[in-house]
Amino acid sequence: MPQPIVAASASELLGLLSGIAHLDGERLVLDDAAALRGRGIRDVVWTATFSADEGAREAARWIVWEASQALGCHSASIHELYMARGRGEVGGFTVPAINLRTQVYDMAAAIFRAAAAREVGTVILELARSEQEYTFQRPGEYITGALAGAIAAGWSSPVFVQGDHYQFNARKYVADPEATTDGVRKLAREAVACGYGNIDIDSSTLVDLSFPTVDEQQRVNYQRAAELSALIRSVEPAGLTISIGGEIGEVGKENSTEAELRTYLDGYRLELDRLAGAGAIGLSKVSVQTGTSHGGIPLPGGGVAAVKLDFGTLERLSAVAREYGLAGAVQHGASTLPDELFHRFPAVQTAEVHLATGFQNLLYEHPAFPADLHREIDGWCGANCAEERREGESETQFIYKTRKKALGPYKRTLWELTTKDEIIAAQEAKIGFLMDQLAVGGTAALVARYVRPLAISRPLPESLRGASVAQG
């Protein structure tokens, strides 16, 4: 299939969609859904991602949003299903939350193909605050790529897009708490405005273990989490309850305890009631630390160090979370774990597991990844990330740690790899394996029972208004 066309204007984009979709006043009308799922959506999402013209990008994102509404793959919140799990009505599976750092459209399509083959409904596509910086993806671009992938795959069920690790920088917070908090506020507003149905607030970086009591250690964490939750509730669309996650232990640090979780949830509840009124809807899940680290720990000669993940702690904290009506505990930093461990997450009733670096590794380390591009990216890391090199660190460790930073500068190159299909096929196989291990097969029926997607049609953007007049 030829490379997609990147439209230079909204009018050109409409021309590319001739016979596939057209405007009828303020509405998008699909003339040929099958053609849209084929060549049409590729031109639209490439324009949304790579066009130099702001009006063309705006038009493309609107078209993807409206088409997803028409085709039944609405952006949605998993909150109600998680609340059902908190009530004990469902369980026995662990929801995979997959961070798509690059090739978002093709990776999303692969995820939904794997899900459809197994009747999976519970899968989340997410991007962390830090990831959006080095991958050059703002929320509006990211959700467009995710929804476009759903359209391409023929998906007709809710799409769960999540803002992962909307995190407070501890060092900056000490210097200026208000400015640091305002950065997270702005990001949360941006995510809600572009259609995210799920947001994870990570103020666990503000936990201070130097205090003598657990409440003092967790206080700023639960206060800021409640503040951000109240903000999200105030700006979420009427009829939609965004799923909000909290976090009590920074990934890669000390393992979380039951006392920390109970203190956090009790303090959060009191603070949210104060800010948003008694009975305000709060969290649906809480992330905990049980022994993993983001990306894994690279070894000098290659590979990743073995992790001693404490499944007992994960099971106990999931049970405590359900006492509070939440779905359970969330495990971060799991994608580099050995394959033989994944079946244990549903066995201990883990609510959700986050998977990121493993898929990045599968891209970079696939035999079909061009060797010359490997060398070029390694050189880019050496030239642009030198300050991150640690004394005694091998070249292999340095490249493993920093190559994620190249995903933004090389975004279009990676989206358009000539060997991409072979790599995506391997990713899809891995996704399917993880879905099987996490026991999410058949959960499409649960999503249909508990999740009611909200139809939200957006106003026609000005760039398309002018384009429609020009073609009239």
Foldseek 3Di string as FASTA:
>chain_A
DDQAAADQFLLVLQVLCVQQWDDDDFAIDGRNLLVCLPRSLRNLLCNLPPHPHPRSVVQSLQVLQRVLLVQQAHAAACQQLQLCLLVVNDALFAEEEEEDLALLLLLLLLLVLLCVVQVFDRYEYEHEPVSCVLLVHALSSNVSSNSSSCSNNSHNYYYAYEHPALDFDQVVCVVPVVVSLVVSLVSLLRNQVNRHQEYEYEDLSQQDPVDPDLLVRCVVQLLSLLVSLLSNVVRHDPPGDRAYEGENHDEPDDWDDPVNLVSSVVNNQVNNCVRRNHPPDHHQEYETYFWAHALAQADQVGAHDATDGDLVRQLVQQVVVSVVSHSGYEAERPQSHDLVCLLVCSVSRHHYYYHYNNLVCLQLVPPLNDPVVNVVLLVVLVVPVVVVDDPPHHSNRSCSVRSSSCNNVCRVVQNDPPSNVVSSVVSSVVSSSSCVSSVSRSCSVVCVVGIDRDNDNDGNDPSVVVSSVVVD
